[in-house]
Amino acid sequence: MQRHSHHPDATAAGDVRVALQNAFDTLGVPLEALHSSSPGWARTHARAVAGDREAQVHMSPGARAFSIGFWTSGFNLAAGSTPDLAQAAAAISMFLNGAGLRQIHEAWPFMTYSDFAEALERSEADAIDFWWRRFLTRPRPPDRRGDLHDFLVEAEAEPRLRALFPFTSHADLGLRRLVRSTPNTALAWVRPLGDGRYLIAGPDRRQLYTPGPTPKNIWGEDPEPGALGPAAARESVALTLAVMDNSTQH
């Protein structure tokens, strides 16, 4: 491990994992510090896991600070930093033992969280509602070719779509049942083509393409057949429901 004057405790222990384990042991908490899953960070990063919660900690370069992140199912719920590894260990213990974000922040103010994280902590439904409101109220992009607003306004009025979690990947909009999921579980994909028109695909995003003399999907390949449209926003909502119904029948 490179000698680092800002982190003598980690240097003396050999790596951050050992130093974090020492802090857990000193506090008397039955947690196991693990190496980072990335081999290149094995000495400077560590993590601890309980159920679907994971805490990550690493040495901040150039200063005496340990940066901390609290995660669940791929979502960062809270983040912060402290120069005291014992404080980091205590905050991690609270999080992995199920404490709420507000409770953690009150005990350890260096740990902060977003409104979305707090909504997700309450329920999937609250998080989905929060994300819809965020999509509908954010400024529209100057370049209308990537504008999803018209589709989102129409989709919000459709209960089946409003109950799904909307997310973006590149310029495309995906809709899936759960917040805590991965993009490849989308039930439908929507690509804005400009002028309030949209291309619709089911779960297979390879169906989406960029119009032109030789349409290609985002991987530069020939698109798979099955995309619907292009169509205006209201019709695109109907087409989205259609591809969802079709996918459930197979």
Protein backbone atom coordinates (compact mmCIF):
# COMPACT_ATOMS: atom_id res chain seq x y z
CA MET A 1 0.00 0.00 0.00
CA GLN A 2 1.36 3.45 -0.93
CA ARG A 3 2.35 5.41 2.15
CA HIS A 4 -0.20 8.15 2.70
CA SER A 5 0.37 10.74 5.44
CA HIS A 6 -3.33 11.65 5.55
CA HIS A 7 -4.41 8.13 6.54
CA PRO A 8 -1.84 6.71 9.00
CA ASP A 9 -4.40 4.33 10.53
CA ALA A 10 -5.15 2.70 7.18
CA THR A 11 -1.46 2.66 6.29
CA ALA A 12 -0.55 1.01 9.58
CA ALA A 13 -3.36 -1.57 9.19
CA GLY A 14 -2.24 -2.47 5.66
CA ASP A 15 -5.42 -1.40 3.88
CA VAL A 16 -8.77 0.27 4.46
CA ARG A 17 -10.61 -3.03 4.93
CA VAL A 18 -8.46 -3.98 7.92
CA ALA A 19 -8.71 -0.47 9.35
CA LEU A 20 -12.51 -0.52 9.01
CA GLN A 21 -12.68 -3.95 10.63
CA ASN A 22 -10.58 -2.63 13.51
CA ALA A 23 -13.07 0.23 13.90
CA PHE A 24 -16.02 -2.20 13.91
CA ASP A 25 -14.30 -4.35 16.52
CA THR A 26 -13.53 -1.35 18.72
CA LEU A 27 -17.18 -0.31 18.59
CA GLY A 28 -18.25 -3.85 19.40
CA VAL A 29 -20.48 -4.23 16.35
CA PRO A 30 -20.68 -7.67 14.67
CA LEU A 31 -19.99 -6.47 11.12
CA GLU A 32 -17.49 -7.81 8.62
CA ALA A 33 -15.46 -5.40 6.51
CA LEU A 34 -14.94 -6.70 2.98
CA HIS A 35 -12.60 -5.79 0.16
CA SER A 36 -13.99 -3.80 -2.75
CA SER A 37 -15.25 -5.93 -5.62
CA SER A 38 -12.88 -3.98 -7.93
CA PRO A 39 -9.35 -5.43 -7.62
CA GLY A 40 -7.71 -2.08 -8.35
CA TRP A 41 -9.38 -0.59 -5.26
CA ALA A 42 -8.62 -3.47 -2.89
CA ARG A 43 -6.34 -1.43 -0.64
CA THR A 44 -8.08 1.95 -0.72
CA HIS A 45 -11.76 0.90 -0.65
CA ALA A 46 -13.84 -1.35 1.60
CA ARG A 47 -17.47 -2.32 2.02
CA ALA A 48 -19.87 -4.00 4.42
CA VAL A 49 -23.15 -5.69 3.57
CA ALA A 50 -26.37 -6.65 5.38
CA GLY A 51 -29.33 -7.94 3.38
CA ASP A 52 -30.01 -5.62 0.45
CA ARG A 53 -28.02 -2.78 2.04
CA GLU A 54 -24.36 -2.09 1.27
CA ALA A 55 -22.04 0.54 2.71
CA GLN A 56 -18.91 1.54 0.85
CA VAL A 57 -15.98 3.57 2.19
CA HIS A 58 -12.77 4.77 0.61
CA MET A 59 -9.87 7.06 1.37
CA SER A 60 -10.21 10.50 -0.20
CA PRO A 61 -7.04 11.46 -2.06
CA GLY A 62 -5.13 14.52 -0.93
CA ALA A 63 -6.96 15.03 2.37
CA ARG A 64 -7.75 13.32 5.63
CA ALA A 65 -11.24 12.06 4.85
CA PHE A 66 -13.10 8.82 4.38
CA SER A 67 -15.86 9.03 1.77
CA ILE A 68 -18.94 6.90 2.49
CA GLY A 69 -21.84 5.73 0.34
CA PHE A 70 -24.97 3.87 1.39
CA TRP A 71 -26.56 1.73 -1.34
CA THR A 72 -29.51 -0.57 -1.91
CA SER A 73 -30.26 -2.47 -5.12
CA GLY A 74 -28.04 -0.20 -7.20
CA PHE A 75 -29.34 3.09 -5.76
CA ASN A 76 -27.21 5.47 -3.74
CA LEU A 77 -29.34 6.40 -0.72
CA ALA A 78 -26.88 8.60 1.18
CA ALA A 79 -23.32 9.90 0.98
CA GLY A 80 -20.87 11.81 3.11
CA SER A 81 -17.33 12.03 4.38
CA THR A 82 -15.58 12.28 7.73
CA PRO A 83 -11.95 12.38 8.85
CA ASP A 84 -12.79 9.93 11.65
CA LEU A 85 -12.98 6.28 10.62
CA ALA A 86 -14.68 5.43 13.94
CA GLN A 87 -17.51 7.83 13.03
CA ALA A 88 -17.74 6.23 9.60
CA ALA A 89 -17.97 2.79 11.20
CA ALA A 90 -20.70 3.95 13.59
CA ALA A 91 -22.76 5.48 10.76
CA ILE A 92 -22.32 2.31 8.68
CA SER A 93 -23.48 0.21 11.63
CA MET A 94 -26.66 2.28 11.96
CA PHE A 95 -27.41 1.95 8.23
CA LEU A 96 -26.76 -1.80 8.04
CA ASN A 97 -28.91 -2.35 11.12
CA GLY A 98 -31.89 -0.77 9.36
CA ALA A 99 -31.92 2.80 10.66
CA GLY A 100 -33.77 5.35 8.55
CA LEU A 101 -32.00 8.03 6.55
CA ARG A 102 -33.33 10.88 8.66
CA GLN A 103 -32.28 9.10 11.86
CA ILE A 104 -28.79 8.51 10.47
CA HIS A 105 -28.44 12.15 9.42
CA GLU A 106 -29.52 13.36 12.85
CA ALA A 107 -26.89 11.18 14.51
CA TRP A 108 -24.19 11.78 11.90
CA PRO A 109 -24.86 15.08 10.03
CA PHE A 110 -22.06 14.42 7.55
CA MET A 111 -24.31 11.78 5.95
CA THR A 112 -26.78 13.46 3.59
CA TYR A 113 -29.53 12.09 1.37
CA SER A 114 -31.85 13.22 -1.42
CA ASP A 115 -35.62 13.66 -1.49
CA PHE A 116 -35.80 10.74 -3.92
CA ALA A 117 -33.86 8.49 -1.52
CA GLU A 118 -36.27 9.37 1.27
CA ALA A 119 -39.23 8.61 -1.00
CA LEU A 120 -37.70 5.26 -1.97
CA GLU A 121 -37.17 4.45 1.70
CA ARG A 122 -40.91 4.96 2.31
CA SER A 123 -42.10 2.80 -0.59
CA GLU A 124 -41.70 1.94 -4.25
CA ALA A 125 -44.97 3.78 -4.98
CA ASP A 126 -43.71 6.99 -3.37
CA ALA A 127 -40.45 6.78 -5.31
CA ILE A 128 -42.30 6.22 -8.60
CA ASP A 129 -44.58 9.19 -7.88
CA PHE A 130 -41.57 11.36 -7.04
CA TRP A 131 -39.80 10.45 -10.27
CA TRP A 132 -42.86 11.18 -12.43
CA ARG A 133 -43.20 14.63 -10.84
CA ARG A 134 -39.51 15.27 -11.42
CA PHE A 135 -39.74 14.30 -15.10
CA LEU A 136 -42.83 16.46 -15.66
CA THR A 137 -41.48 19.59 -13.95
CA ARG A 138 -37.89 19.66 -15.19
CA PRO A 139 -36.99 22.21 -17.91
CA ARG A 140 -37.50 21.08 -21.46
CA PRO A 141 -34.30 20.63 -23.48
CA PRO A 142 -33.47 23.32 -26.08
CA ASP A 143 -33.03 20.57 -28.67
CA ARG A 144 -36.57 19.21 -29.15
CA ARG A 145 -35.20 16.08 -30.84
CA GLY A 146 -34.59 14.62 -27.38
CA ASP A 147 -37.75 15.98 -25.79
CA LEU A 148 -39.92 13.40 -24.00
CA HIS A 149 -42.26 15.96 -22.41
CA ASP A 150 -45.27 15.53 -24.70
CA PHE A 151 -45.20 11.76 -24.29
CA LEU A 152 -44.81 12.00 -20.50
CA VAL A 153 -47.78 14.37 -20.20
CA GLU A 154 -50.00 11.93 -22.11
CA ALA A 155 -48.58 8.88 -20.32
CA GLU A 156 -49.16 10.40 -16.88
CA ALA A 157 -52.91 10.35 -17.56
CA GLU A 158 -52.81 6.60 -18.26
CA PRO A 159 -52.95 4.71 -14.91
CA ARG A 160 -51.14 1.63 -16.21
CA LEU A 161 -48.16 3.71 -17.31
CA ARG A 162 -48.28 6.10 -14.35
CA ALA A 163 -47.80 3.11 -12.04
CA LEU A 164 -44.49 2.22 -13.73
CA PHE A 165 -41.05 3.65 -12.96
CA PRO A 166 -39.80 5.94 -15.77
CA PHE A 167 -36.06 6.16 -16.40
CA THR A 168 -33.81 7.27 -19.23
CA SER A 169 -30.90 5.54 -20.91
CA HIS A 170 -29.16 7.75 -23.45
CA ALA A 171 -32.12 9.54 -25.08
CA ASP A 172 -34.57 6.65 -24.65
CA LEU A 173 -37.27 6.37 -22.00
CA GLY A 174 -37.78 3.02 -20.33
CA LEU A 175 -40.74 1.94 -18.20
CA ARG A 176 -40.42 -0.86 -15.66
CA ARG A 177 -42.48 -2.18 -12.76
CA LEU A 178 -40.00 -1.59 -9.94
CA VAL A 179 -37.55 1.12 -8.99
CA ARG A 180 -35.11 -1.45 -7.59
CA SER A 181 -34.53 -3.24 -10.84
CA THR A 182 -32.25 -3.08 -13.87
CA PRO A 183 -32.84 -1.36 -17.22
CA ASN A 184 -33.10 -4.65 -19.11
CA THR A 185 -36.36 -5.41 -17.25
CA ALA A 186 -38.19 -2.57 -19.00
CA LEU A 187 -41.66 -3.42 -20.26
CA ALA A 188 -41.44 -0.81 -23.02
CA TRP A 189 -39.01 1.66 -24.57
CA VAL A 190 -39.77 5.07 -26.09
CA ARG A 191 -37.43 7.01 -28.39
CA PRO A 192 -38.10 10.70 -29.15
CA LEU A 193 -37.57 11.48 -32.83
CA GLY A 194 -38.35 15.20 -32.72
CA ASP A 195 -41.42 17.30 -33.51
CA GLY A 196 -43.44 15.48 -30.84
CA ARG A 197 -43.13 12.08 -32.51
CA TYR A 198 -41.96 8.86 -30.88
CA LEU A 199 -40.85 5.35 -31.76
CA ILE A 200 -42.11 2.57 -29.48
CA ALA A 201 -40.62 -0.85 -28.70
CA GLY A 202 -41.39 -3.61 -26.24
CA PRO A 203 -38.80 -5.09 -23.85
CA ASP A 204 -36.31 -5.60 -26.70
CA ARG A 205 -34.61 -2.22 -27.08
CA ARG A 206 -32.81 -3.44 -30.18
CA GLN A 207 -36.05 -2.70 -32.07
CA LEU A 208 -35.50 1.05 -31.67
CA TYR A 209 -33.62 2.76 -34.46
CA THR A 210 -32.52 6.16 -35.69
CA PRO A 211 -34.34 7.02 -38.92
CA GLY A 212 -32.22 7.55 -41.99
CA PRO A 213 -31.09 5.90 -45.21
CA THR A 214 -29.71 2.95 -43.18
CA PRO A 215 -31.54 2.77 -39.82
CA LYS A 216 -29.38 1.45 -36.98
CA ASN A 217 -30.00 0.76 -33.31
CA ILE A 218 -27.78 2.28 -30.59
CA TRP A 219 -25.32 -0.59 -30.98
CA GLY A 220 -24.79 0.26 -34.66
CA GLU A 221 -26.59 -2.89 -35.76
CA ASP A 222 -29.59 -3.47 -37.96
CA PRO A 223 -32.69 -3.08 -35.77
CA GLU A 224 -34.79 -6.04 -34.78
CA PRO A 225 -38.30 -5.96 -36.29
CA GLY A 226 -41.22 -4.91 -34.13
CA ALA A 227 -40.95 -1.18 -33.43
CA LEU A 228 -44.20 0.80 -33.71
CA GLY A 229 -44.54 4.37 -34.97
CA PRO A 230 -43.30 6.98 -35.34
CA ALA A 231 -46.43 8.55 -33.90
CA ALA A 232 -47.58 11.61 -31.98
CA ALA A 233 -47.63 11.54 -28.18
CA ARG A 234 -51.21 10.38 -27.58
CA GLU A 235 -51.03 7.64 -30.18
CA SER A 236 -47.62 6.63 -28.82
CA VAL A 237 -49.18 6.04 -25.41
CA ALA A 238 -51.68 3.67 -27.02
CA LEU A 239 -48.85 1.92 -28.88
CA THR A 240 -46.91 1.55 -25.62
CA LEU A 241 -49.87 -0.18 -24.00
CA ALA A 242 -50.16 -2.40 -27.07
CA VAL A 243 -46.54 -3.60 -26.92
CA MET A 244 -46.92 -4.24 -23.18
CA ASP A 245 -50.04 -6.32 -23.78
CA ASN A 246 -48.32 -8.20 -26.60
CA SER A 247 -45.26 -9.02 -24.47
CA THR A 248 -47.39 -10.44 -21.64
CA GLN A 249 -49.02 -12.84 -24.09
CA HIS A 250 -45.71 -14.46 -25.00
